[in-house]
Amino acid sequence: MELRQLKYFLKTAETLNFSEAARSLFVTQSTLSQQIRQLEQELGVELFERDSHSVKLTESGERMYPCAKATLEDAESCFTQISDLKQMLTGVLNIGITYSFAPILTETVRDFVKLYPGVKINIICDTMENVLDLLKKREVDFVLSFRPNECDDEIESHILFDNQLAIILSQNHPLSSMTSLTLDDLRPYGIVLPAKGMQARNAFDLCFPGESDRLDVKLELNEVNVLLDLVKSTQLVTFLSEATLYQKSGLKALPFQSNNTQLEGCVHSVKKAYRKRSAEEFMRLLSASNAVMERAHNWIK
């Protein structure tokens, strides 16, 4: 059974005239008759009663009519929805991000929603390990995080911008006038560490093995905004990516004087997987955003 045959059947059922139906469909009457006959043979029933003067639906034809109509309407709806998705008029975009990426997304989400109001965005914020696991399960379309310490054969990573692990403190902190700091400079002060599992914490532990046990750690948190509020209003110090302070006032990011604290902001996706057009457009907007532009790599076309 073909959609074309159902279309021919419906038009003939509506007009009850093979000649008129053929003209409306821009086919010959013989073509129309042949396709309907093939449909009847496949179904094993007569759909029309024909004589030299008139055409009318059989009982099977009467039963067939609403089913055929609904099928063609569903097919047309499916075509329209796919066409809309191509133009990004509808659809769902699922994005996984790590906590440090949240401040960077505001501008892009605002612009994307304005351009494509029919596309629903779901943003899941979690540790890098968890969002990459969601990516491999295809529960998110892509992940935004810093480059992981270990490669995964299922995932490809494209560098979006360069960044670094930084010392974050209040602009009113006694050390805020410094241009760079060492861990020894920080020992007199209380430390708020990102919780284990957060990428900034992973980077800190990798760059400074065992130092989390030697510093005066007052608190560990996995909520970046609360962490930053604490640092802003006290003399506590923390370690996060410099990008975390985007559009944050009252705080300052200072580099470490030594060690390789480079972090690369990346877009992660499943290798050889289909990428939604909405995902490509979101990444294009993100790469051109003010939050990223000054550090952007031109891998997104």
C-alpha atoms as a PDB file:
ATOM      1  CA  MET A   1       0.000   0.000   0.000  1.00  0.00           C
ATOM      2  CA  GLU A   2       1.416   3.371  -1.042  1.00  0.00           C
ATOM      3  CA  LEU A   3       0.473   6.872   0.067  1.00  0.00           C
ATOM      4  CA  ARG A   4      -0.053   7.720  -3.595  1.00  0.00           C
ATOM      5  CA  GLN A   5      -2.696   5.012  -3.879  1.00  0.00           C
ATOM      6  CA  LEU A   6      -4.495   6.323  -0.789  1.00  0.00           C
ATOM      7  CA  LYS A   7      -4.398   9.820  -2.266  1.00  0.00           C
ATOM      8  CA  TYR A   8      -5.960   8.562  -5.503  1.00  0.00           C
ATOM      9  CA  PHE A   9      -8.596   6.616  -3.568  1.00  0.00           C
ATOM     10  CA  LEU A  10      -9.562   9.658  -1.452  1.00  0.00           C
ATOM     11  CA  LYS A  11      -9.939  11.971  -4.405  1.00  0.00           C
ATOM     12  CA  THR A  12     -12.074   9.434  -6.257  1.00  0.00           C
ATOM     13  CA  ALA A  13     -14.178   8.819  -3.150  1.00  0.00           C
ATOM     14  CA  GLU A  14     -14.751  12.566  -2.797  1.00  0.00           C
ATOM     15  CA  THR A  15     -15.681  13.160  -6.431  1.00  0.00           C
ATOM     16  CA  LEU A  16     -17.214   9.744  -7.214  1.00  0.00           C
ATOM     17  CA  ASN A  17     -15.953  10.375 -10.728  1.00  0.00           C
ATOM     18  CA  PHE A  18     -12.770   8.817 -12.118  1.00  0.00           C
ATOM     19  CA  SER A  19     -12.344  11.424 -14.856  1.00  0.00           C
ATOM     20  CA  GLU A  20     -12.741  14.380 -12.487  1.00  0.00           C
ATOM     21  CA  ALA A  21     -10.441  12.795  -9.888  1.00  0.00           C
ATOM     22  CA  ALA A  22      -7.745  12.174 -12.509  1.00  0.00           C
ATOM     23  CA  ARG A  23      -7.905  15.794 -13.691  1.00  0.00           C
ATOM     24  CA  SER A  24      -7.610  17.082 -10.114  1.00  0.00           C
ATOM     25  CA  LEU A  25      -4.567  14.899  -9.524  1.00  0.00           C
ATOM     26  CA  PHE A  26      -2.967  15.725 -12.901  1.00  0.00           C
ATOM     27  CA  VAL A  27      -2.759  12.064 -13.925  1.00  0.00           C
ATOM     28  CA  THR A  28      -4.423  10.091 -16.683  1.00  0.00           C
ATOM     29  CA  GLN A  29      -7.625   8.255 -15.932  1.00  0.00           C
ATOM     30  CA  SER A  30      -5.970   4.954 -16.818  1.00  0.00           C
ATOM     31  CA  THR A  31      -3.187   5.606 -14.288  1.00  0.00           C
ATOM     32  CA  LEU A  32      -5.725   6.445 -11.607  1.00  0.00           C
ATOM     33  CA  SER A  33      -7.812   3.351 -12.350  1.00  0.00           C
ATOM     34  CA  GLN A  34      -4.734   1.121 -12.379  1.00  0.00           C
ATOM     35  CA  GLN A  35      -3.495   2.365  -8.981  1.00  0.00           C
ATOM     36  CA  ILE A  36      -6.890   1.965  -7.343  1.00  0.00           C
ATOM     37  CA  ARG A  37      -7.213  -1.530  -8.828  1.00  0.00           C
ATOM     38  CA  GLN A  38      -3.813  -2.456  -7.383  1.00  0.00           C
ATOM     39  CA  LEU A  39      -4.944  -1.146  -3.991  1.00  0.00           C
ATOM     40  CA  GLU A  40      -8.108  -3.235  -4.164  1.00  0.00           C
ATOM     41  CA  GLN A  41      -6.130  -6.332  -5.130  1.00  0.00           C
ATOM     42  CA  GLU A  42      -3.766  -5.827  -2.197  1.00  0.00           C
ATOM     43  CA  LEU A  43      -6.661  -5.372   0.215  1.00  0.00           C
ATOM     44  CA  GLY A  44      -8.669  -8.199  -1.350  1.00  0.00           C
ATOM     45  CA  VAL A  45     -11.869  -6.124  -1.513  1.00  0.00           C
ATOM     46  CA  GLU A  46     -13.736  -3.870  -3.940  1.00  0.00           C
ATOM     47  CA  LEU A  47     -13.668  -0.214  -2.861  1.00  0.00           C
ATOM     48  CA  PHE A  48     -15.987   1.129  -5.564  1.00  0.00           C
ATOM     49  CA  GLU A  49     -19.107  -0.090  -7.337  1.00  0.00           C
ATOM     50  CA  ARG A  50     -18.721   0.871 -10.977  1.00  0.00           C
ATOM     51  CA  ASP A  51     -21.184   0.833 -13.865  1.00  0.00           C
ATOM     52  CA  SER A  52     -21.519   2.826 -17.047  1.00  0.00           C
ATOM     53  CA  HIS A  53     -23.484   5.595 -15.333  1.00  0.00           C
ATOM     54  CA  SER A  54     -22.138   6.019 -11.804  1.00  0.00           C
ATOM     55  CA  VAL A  55     -19.479   5.280  -9.185  1.00  0.00           C
ATOM     56  CA  LYS A  56     -20.146   4.766  -5.497  1.00  0.00           C
ATOM     57  CA  LEU A  57     -18.285   3.455  -2.476  1.00  0.00           C
ATOM     58  CA  THR A  58     -18.781  -0.122  -1.334  1.00  0.00           C
ATOM     59  CA  GLU A  59     -19.121  -0.956   2.345  1.00  0.00           C
ATOM     60  CA  SER A  60     -15.367  -1.601   2.423  1.00  0.00           C
ATOM     61  CA  GLY A  61     -14.791   1.707   0.648  1.00  0.00           C
ATOM     62  CA  GLU A  62     -16.898   3.530   3.248  1.00  0.00           C
ATOM     63  CA  ARG A  63     -14.834   1.949   6.030  1.00  0.00           C
ATOM     64  CA  MET A  64     -11.601   2.690   4.156  1.00  0.00           C
ATOM     65  CA  TYR A  65     -12.302   6.392   3.650  1.00  0.00           C
ATOM     66  CA  PRO A  66     -11.754   7.750   7.213  1.00  0.00           C
ATOM     67  CA  CYS A  67      -8.735   5.483   7.723  1.00  0.00           C
ATOM     68  CA  ALA A  68      -7.105   6.628   4.489  1.00  0.00           C
ATOM     69  CA  LYS A  69      -7.842  10.256   5.262  1.00  0.00           C
ATOM     70  CA  ALA A  70      -6.318  10.006   8.736  1.00  0.00           C
ATOM     71  CA  THR A  71      -3.248   8.230   7.339  1.00  0.00           C
ATOM     72  CA  LEU A  72      -2.621  10.931   4.744  1.00  0.00           C
ATOM     73  CA  GLU A  73      -3.140  13.678   7.322  1.00  0.00           C
ATOM     74  CA  ASP A  74      -0.619  11.998   9.628  1.00  0.00           C
ATOM     75  CA  ALA A  75       1.838  11.658   6.763  1.00  0.00           C
ATOM     76  CA  GLU A  76       1.437  15.324   5.882  1.00  0.00           C
ATOM     77  CA  SER A  77       1.898  16.287   9.533  1.00  0.00           C
ATOM     78  CA  CYS A  78       5.056  14.176   9.712  1.00  0.00           C
ATOM     79  CA  PHE A  79       6.438  15.846   6.592  1.00  0.00           C
ATOM     80  CA  THR A  80       5.622  19.286   7.983  1.00  0.00           C
ATOM     81  CA  GLN A  81       7.250  18.558  11.330  1.00  0.00           C
ATOM     82  CA  ILE A  82      10.442  17.305   9.695  1.00  0.00           C
ATOM     83  CA  SER A  83      10.448  20.340   7.429  1.00  0.00           C
ATOM     84  CA  ASP A  84       9.993  22.574  10.457  1.00  0.00           C
ATOM     85  CA  LEU A  85      12.849  20.842  12.235  1.00  0.00           C
ATOM     86  CA  LYS A  86      15.067  21.571   9.259  1.00  0.00           C
ATOM     87  CA  GLN A  87      14.168  25.217   9.669  1.00  0.00           C
ATOM     88  CA  MET A  88      14.368  24.833  13.470  1.00  0.00           C
ATOM     89  CA  LEU A  89      10.772  25.902  14.000  1.00  0.00           C
ATOM     90  CA  THR A  90      10.157  23.025  16.434  1.00  0.00           C
ATOM     91  CA  GLY A  91      12.080  20.382  18.328  1.00  0.00           C
ATOM     92  CA  VAL A  92      13.951  19.742  21.568  1.00  0.00           C
ATOM     93  CA  LEU A  93      17.619  20.465  22.275  1.00  0.00           C
ATOM     94  CA  ASN A  94      19.187  18.705  25.266  1.00  0.00           C
ATOM     95  CA  ILE A  95      22.448  20.181  26.558  1.00  0.00           C
ATOM     96  CA  GLY A  96      24.692  18.899  29.321  1.00  0.00           C
ATOM     97  CA  ILE A  97      26.973  21.402  31.039  1.00  0.00           C
ATOM     98  CA  THR A  98      29.337  21.464  33.986  1.00  0.00           C
ATOM     99  CA  TYR A  99      28.811  24.029  36.728  1.00  0.00           C
ATOM    100  CA  SER A 100      31.591  26.305  35.497  1.00  0.00           C
ATOM    101  CA  PHE A 101      29.928  26.692  32.100  1.00  0.00           C
ATOM    102  CA  ALA A 102      26.615  28.005  33.414  1.00  0.00           C
ATOM    103  CA  PRO A 103      27.581  31.726  33.432  1.00  0.00           C
ATOM    104  CA  ILE A 104      28.842  31.506  29.837  1.00  0.00           C
ATOM    105  CA  LEU A 105      25.521  30.261  28.426  1.00  0.00           C
ATOM    106  CA  THR A 106      23.187  33.119  29.381  1.00  0.00           C
ATOM    107  CA  GLU A 107      23.796  35.237  26.286  1.00  0.00           C
ATOM    108  CA  THR A 108      23.548  32.306  23.867  1.00  0.00           C
ATOM    109  CA  VAL A 109      20.384  30.872  25.422  1.00  0.00           C
ATOM    110  CA  ARG A 110      18.729  34.295  25.261  1.00  0.00           C
ATOM    111  CA  ASP A 111      19.636  34.754  21.585  1.00  0.00           C
ATOM    112  CA  PHE A 112      18.686  31.199  20.603  1.00  0.00           C
ATOM    113  CA  VAL A 113      15.258  31.412  22.250  1.00  0.00           C
ATOM    114  CA  LYS A 114      14.616  34.693  20.478  1.00  0.00           C
ATOM    115  CA  LEU A 115      15.593  33.269  17.074  1.00  0.00           C
ATOM    116  CA  TYR A 116      13.957  29.841  17.482  1.00  0.00           C
ATOM    117  CA  PRO A 117      11.041  30.139  19.928  1.00  0.00           C
ATOM    118  CA  GLY A 118       9.616  26.784  18.849  1.00  0.00           C
ATOM    119  CA  VAL A 119      12.683  24.831  19.984  1.00  0.00           C
ATOM    120  CA  LYS A 120      12.577  23.744  23.617  1.00  0.00           C
ATOM    121  CA  ILE A 121      15.934  23.723  25.421  1.00  0.00           C
ATOM    122  CA  ASN A 122      16.659  21.341  28.295  1.00  0.00           C
ATOM    123  CA  ILE A 123      19.884  22.161  30.158  1.00  0.00           C
ATOM    124  CA  ILE A 124      21.275  19.628  32.630  1.00  0.00           C
ATOM    125  CA  CYS A 125      23.988  20.937  34.945  1.00  0.00           C
ATOM    126  CA  ASP A 126      26.095  18.316  36.693  1.00  0.00           C
ATOM    127  CA  THR A 127      29.634  17.063  37.138  1.00  0.00           C
ATOM    128  CA  MET A 128      31.672  16.338  34.027  1.00  0.00           C
ATOM    129  CA  GLU A 129      31.563  12.607  34.668  1.00  0.00           C
ATOM    130  CA  ASN A 130      27.776  12.602  34.897  1.00  0.00           C
ATOM    131  CA  VAL A 131      27.052  14.783  31.856  1.00  0.00           C
ATOM    132  CA  LEU A 132      29.487  12.805  29.696  1.00  0.00           C
ATOM    133  CA  ASP A 133      27.725   9.636  30.815  1.00  0.00           C
ATOM    134  CA  LEU A 134      24.413  11.186  29.715  1.00  0.00           C
ATOM    135  CA  LEU A 135      26.026  11.993  26.372  1.00  0.00           C
ATOM    136  CA  LYS A 136      27.082   8.390  25.804  1.00  0.00           C
ATOM    137  CA  LYS A 137      23.538   7.294  26.648  1.00  0.00           C
ATOM    138  CA  ARG A 138      22.282   9.829  24.036  1.00  0.00           C
ATOM    139  CA  GLU A 139      20.222  11.585  26.709  1.00  0.00           C
ATOM    140  CA  VAL A 140      21.844  14.918  25.792  1.00  0.00           C
ATOM    141  CA  ASP A 141      22.782  16.132  22.312  1.00  0.00           C
ATOM    142  CA  PHE A 142      26.141  17.559  23.335  1.00  0.00           C
ATOM    143  CA  VAL A 143      28.101  18.540  26.424  1.00  0.00           C
ATOM    144  CA  LEU A 144      29.901  21.751  27.303  1.00  0.00           C
ATOM    145  CA  SER A 145      32.755  21.288  29.731  1.00  0.00           C
ATOM    146  CA  PHE A 146      36.494  21.576  29.969  1.00  0.00           C
ATOM    147  CA  ARG A 147      38.609  18.900  28.364  1.00  0.00           C
ATOM    148  CA  PRO A 148      38.656  15.766  30.553  1.00  0.00           C
ATOM    149  CA  ASN A 149      41.952  14.446  31.832  1.00  0.00           C
ATOM    150  CA  GLU A 150      41.402  11.099  30.132  1.00  0.00           C
ATOM    151  CA  CYS A 151      40.173  10.521  26.578  1.00  0.00           C
ATOM    152  CA  ASP A 152      37.088   8.448  25.801  1.00  0.00           C
ATOM    153  CA  ASP A 153      36.977   6.463  22.556  1.00  0.00           C
ATOM    154  CA  GLU A 154      33.242   7.164  22.130  1.00  0.00           C
ATOM    155  CA  ILE A 155      33.487  10.940  22.454  1.00  0.00           C
ATOM    156  CA  GLU A 156      35.078  13.630  20.313  1.00  0.00           C
ATOM    157  CA  SER A 157      35.996  17.008  21.784  1.00  0.00           C
ATOM    158  CA  HIS A 158      36.378  20.302  19.936  1.00  0.00           C
ATOM    159  CA  ILE A 159      38.108  23.223  21.625  1.00  0.00           C
ATOM    160  CA  LEU A 160      35.793  26.193  21.957  1.00  0.00           C
ATOM    161  CA  PHE A 161      38.034  28.493  23.980  1.00  0.00           C
ATOM    162  CA  ASP A 162      41.171  28.560  26.099  1.00  0.00           C
ATOM    163  CA  ASN A 163      40.917  29.138  29.820  1.00  0.00           C
ATOM    164  CA  GLN A 164      42.826  28.551  33.025  1.00  0.00           C
ATOM    165  CA  LEU A 165      42.306  27.457  36.583  1.00  0.00           C
ATOM    166  CA  ALA A 166      42.455  30.627  38.668  1.00  0.00           C
ATOM    167  CA  ILE A 167      42.496  31.819  42.250  1.00  0.00           C
ATOM    168  CA  ILE A 168      39.154  33.496  42.929  1.00  0.00           C
ATOM    169  CA  LEU A 169      38.820  36.069  45.681  1.00  0.00           C
ATOM    170  CA  SER A 170      36.887  39.184  46.593  1.00  0.00           C
ATOM    171  CA  GLN A 171      37.961  42.508  45.135  1.00  0.00           C
ATOM    172  CA  ASN A 172      38.232  43.631  48.766  1.00  0.00           C
ATOM    173  CA  HIS A 173      40.540  40.783  49.722  1.00  0.00           C
ATOM    174  CA  PRO A 174      44.008  41.822  51.043  1.00  0.00           C
ATOM    175  CA  LEU A 175      45.621  39.926  48.150  1.00  0.00           C
ATOM    176  CA  SER A 176      43.440  41.369  45.383  1.00  0.00           C
ATOM    177  CA  SER A 177      46.107  43.894  44.334  1.00  0.00           C
ATOM    178  CA  MET A 178      48.543  41.105  43.426  1.00  0.00           C
ATOM    179  CA  THR A 179      49.045  40.114  39.790  1.00  0.00           C
ATOM    180  CA  SER A 180      49.607  36.411  40.564  1.00  0.00           C
ATOM    181  CA  LEU A 181      49.807  34.162  43.625  1.00  0.00           C
ATOM    182  CA  THR A 182      51.266  30.925  44.941  1.00  0.00           C
ATOM    183  CA  LEU A 183      49.612  28.466  47.278  1.00  0.00           C
ATOM    184  CA  ASP A 184      51.966  29.652  50.022  1.00  0.00           C
ATOM    185  CA  ASP A 185      50.410  33.134  49.708  1.00  0.00           C
ATOM    186  CA  LEU A 186      47.020  31.581  50.444  1.00  0.00           C
ATOM    187  CA  ARG A 187      47.877  29.479  53.491  1.00  0.00           C
ATOM    188  CA  PRO A 188      46.908  32.195  56.032  1.00  0.00           C
ATOM    189  CA  TYR A 189      43.414  32.344  54.546  1.00  0.00           C
ATOM    190  CA  GLY A 190      40.432  30.039  54.654  1.00  0.00           C
ATOM    191  CA  ILE A 191      39.678  28.070  51.493  1.00  0.00           C
ATOM    192  CA  VAL A 192      36.364  27.073  49.932  1.00  0.00           C
ATOM    193  CA  LEU A 193      36.987  24.161  47.590  1.00  0.00           C
ATOM    194  CA  PRO A 194      34.769  23.022  44.728  1.00  0.00           C
ATOM    195  CA  ALA A 195      33.381  19.616  45.683  1.00  0.00           C
ATOM    196  CA  LYS A 196      35.057  16.446  44.493  1.00  0.00           C
ATOM    197  CA  GLY A 197      33.844  15.508  41.044  1.00  0.00           C
ATOM    198  CA  MET A 198      33.615  19.090  39.833  1.00  0.00           C
ATOM    199  CA  GLN A 199      36.043  19.776  37.039  1.00  0.00           C
ATOM    200  CA  ALA A 200      37.760  22.699  38.769  1.00  0.00           C
ATOM    201  CA  ARG A 201      38.422  20.421  41.738  1.00  0.00           C
ATOM    202  CA  ASN A 202      39.739  17.694  39.457  1.00  0.00           C
ATOM    203  CA  ALA A 203      42.061  20.210  37.819  1.00  0.00           C
ATOM    204  CA  PHE A 204      43.249  21.558  41.170  1.00  0.00           C
ATOM    205  CA  ASP A 205      43.991  18.086  42.548  1.00  0.00           C
ATOM    206  CA  LEU A 206      45.841  17.200  39.337  1.00  0.00           C
ATOM    207  CA  CYS A 207      47.948  20.378  39.377  1.00  0.00           C
ATOM    208  CA  PHE A 208      48.559  20.368  43.130  1.00  0.00           C
ATOM    209  CA  PRO A 209      48.479  16.777  44.407  1.00  0.00           C
ATOM    210  CA  GLY A 210      47.785  16.550  48.146  1.00  0.00           C
ATOM    211  CA  GLU A 211      47.478  20.320  48.646  1.00  0.00           C
ATOM    212  CA  SER A 212      43.777  20.133  49.484  1.00  0.00           C
ATOM    213  CA  ASP A 213      44.816  18.381  52.710  1.00  0.00           C
ATOM    214  CA  ARG A 214      47.435  21.009  53.563  1.00  0.00           C
ATOM    215  CA  LEU A 215      45.330  24.117  53.016  1.00  0.00           C
ATOM    216  CA  ASP A 216      42.894  25.547  55.579  1.00  0.00           C
ATOM    217  CA  VAL A 217      39.760  24.203  53.875  1.00  0.00           C
ATOM    218  CA  LYS A 218      36.651  25.531  55.602  1.00  0.00           C
ATOM    219  CA  LEU A 219      34.045  24.210  53.204  1.00  0.00           C
ATOM    220  CA  GLU A 220      33.486  22.169  50.047  1.00  0.00           C
ATOM    221  CA  LEU A 221      30.601  23.027  47.723  1.00  0.00           C
ATOM    222  CA  ASN A 222      29.212  21.768  44.418  1.00  0.00           C
ATOM    223  CA  GLU A 223      27.077  24.875  43.784  1.00  0.00           C
ATOM    224  CA  VAL A 224      29.142  27.531  42.019  1.00  0.00           C
ATOM    225  CA  ASN A 225      26.874  30.515  42.664  1.00  0.00           C
ATOM    226  CA  VAL A 226      26.738  29.877  46.424  1.00  0.00           C
ATOM    227  CA  LEU A 227      30.489  29.340  46.437  1.00  0.00           C
ATOM    228  CA  LEU A 228      31.097  32.660  44.675  1.00  0.00           C
ATOM    229  CA  ASP A 229      28.706  34.520  46.981  1.00  0.00           C
ATOM    230  CA  LEU A 230      30.652  33.250  49.984  1.00  0.00           C
ATOM    231  CA  VAL A 231      33.976  34.314  48.501  1.00  0.00           C
ATOM    232  CA  LYS A 232      32.603  37.709  47.504  1.00  0.00           C
ATOM    233  CA  SER A 233      31.365  38.512  51.007  1.00  0.00           C
ATOM    234  CA  THR A 234      34.309  37.114  53.005  1.00  0.00           C
ATOM    235  CA  GLN A 235      38.077  36.688  52.861  1.00  0.00           C
ATOM    236  CA  LEU A 236      37.702  33.083  51.811  1.00  0.00           C
ATOM    237  CA  VAL A 237      39.465  31.990  48.616  1.00  0.00           C
ATOM    238  CA  THR A 238      38.520  29.380  46.036  1.00  0.00           C
ATOM    239  CA  PHE A 239      39.805  27.826  42.810  1.00  0.00           C
ATOM    240  CA  LEU A 240      37.673  27.869  39.666  1.00  0.00           C
ATOM    241  CA  SER A 241      38.094  28.512  35.972  1.00  0.00           C
ATOM    242  CA  GLU A 242      38.600  32.160  35.090  1.00  0.00           C
ATOM    243  CA  ALA A 243      35.566  31.951  32.801  1.00  0.00           C
ATOM    244  CA  THR A 244      33.313  31.357  35.813  1.00  0.00           C
ATOM    245  CA  LEU A 245      33.535  35.065  36.632  1.00  0.00           C
ATOM    246  CA  TYR A 246      31.992  36.162  33.350  1.00  0.00           C
ATOM    247  CA  GLN A 247      29.576  39.032  34.183  1.00  0.00           C
ATOM    248  CA  LYS A 248      30.209  38.536  37.912  1.00  0.00           C
ATOM    249  CA  SER A 249      30.994  41.704  39.862  1.00  0.00           C
ATOM    250  CA  GLY A 250      32.921  42.122  43.096  1.00  0.00           C
ATOM    251  CA  LEU A 251      35.268  39.199  42.402  1.00  0.00           C
ATOM    252  CA  LYS A 252      38.724  38.849  40.918  1.00  0.00           C
ATOM    253  CA  ALA A 253      40.565  35.984  39.221  1.00  0.00           C
ATOM    254  CA  LEU A 254      44.324  35.787  39.708  1.00  0.00           C
ATOM    255  CA  PRO A 255      46.644  33.307  37.947  1.00  0.00           C
ATOM    256  CA  PHE A 256      48.939  30.870  39.705  1.00  0.00           C
ATOM    257  CA  GLN A 257      52.624  31.720  39.458  1.00  0.00           C
ATOM    258  CA  SER A 258      53.574  28.174  38.531  1.00  0.00           C
ATOM    259  CA  ASN A 259      52.220  24.851  37.277  1.00  0.00           C
ATOM    260  CA  ASN A 260      50.269  24.161  34.125  1.00  0.00           C
ATOM    261  CA  THR A 261      46.771  25.320  35.021  1.00  0.00           C
ATOM    262  CA  GLN A 262      45.493  25.566  31.444  1.00  0.00           C
ATOM    263  CA  LEU A 263      41.887  24.488  30.869  1.00  0.00           C
ATOM    264  CA  GLU A 264      40.304  24.123  27.435  1.00  0.00           C
ATOM    265  CA  GLY A 265      36.594  24.804  27.111  1.00  0.00           C
ATOM    266  CA  CYS A 266      35.202  22.145  24.789  1.00  0.00           C
ATOM    267  CA  VAL A 267      32.099  20.933  23.025  1.00  0.00           C
ATOM    268  CA  HIS A 268      31.820  17.157  23.388  1.00  0.00           C
ATOM    269  CA  SER A 269      29.707  14.932  21.153  1.00  0.00           C
ATOM    270  CA  VAL A 270      29.409  11.240  20.334  1.00  0.00           C
ATOM    271  CA  LYS A 271      31.694  10.236  17.487  1.00  0.00           C
ATOM    272  CA  LYS A 272      29.996   9.803  14.113  1.00  0.00           C
ATOM    273  CA  ALA A 273      26.573  10.516  15.628  1.00  0.00           C
ATOM    274  CA  TYR A 274      23.947  12.601  13.855  1.00  0.00           C
ATOM    275  CA  ARG A 275      24.025  16.197  15.032  1.00  0.00           C
ATOM    276  CA  LYS A 276      20.764  18.128  15.145  1.00  0.00           C
ATOM    277  CA  ARG A 277      20.613  21.359  13.202  1.00  0.00           C
ATOM    278  CA  SER A 278      19.473  23.078  16.371  1.00  0.00           C
ATOM    279  CA  ALA A 279      22.632  21.835  18.103  1.00  0.00           C
ATOM    280  CA  GLU A 280      24.805  23.177  15.291  1.00  0.00           C
ATOM    281  CA  GLU A 281      23.055  26.528  15.450  1.00  0.00           C
ATOM    282  CA  PHE A 282      23.375  26.739  19.233  1.00  0.00           C
ATOM    283  CA  MET A 283      27.097  26.029  19.012  1.00  0.00           C
ATOM    284  CA  ARG A 284      27.475  28.616  16.253  1.00  0.00           C
ATOM    285  CA  LEU A 285      25.794  31.241  18.423  1.00  0.00           C
ATOM    286  CA  LEU A 286      27.875  30.220  21.423  1.00  0.00           C
ATOM    287  CA  SER A 287      31.135  30.498  19.490  1.00  0.00           C
ATOM    288  CA  ALA A 288      30.170  34.025  18.418  1.00  0.00           C
ATOM    289  CA  SER A 289      28.997  35.139  21.867  1.00  0.00           C
ATOM    290  CA  ASN A 290      30.792  37.833  23.818  1.00  0.00           C
ATOM    291  CA  ALA A 291      31.523  35.290  26.540  1.00  0.00           C
ATOM    292  CA  VAL A 292      33.525  33.125  24.144  1.00  0.00           C
ATOM    293  CA  MET A 293      34.593  35.283  21.213  1.00  0.00           C
ATOM    294  CA  GLU A 294      37.831  36.564  22.676  1.00  0.00           C
ATOM    295  CA  ARG A 295      39.055  33.006  23.195  1.00  0.00           C
ATOM    296  CA  ALA A 296      37.203  31.250  20.386  1.00  0.00           C
ATOM    297  CA  HIS A 297      38.654  28.732  18.000  1.00  0.00           C
ATOM    298  CA  ASN A 298      37.216  28.693  14.503  1.00  0.00           C
ATOM    299  CA  TRP A 299      36.274  25.016  14.285  1.00  0.00           C
ATOM    300  CA  ILE A 300      32.546  25.855  14.052  1.00  0.00           C
ATOM    301  CA  LYS A 301      31.640  27.067  10.579  1.00  0.00           C
END
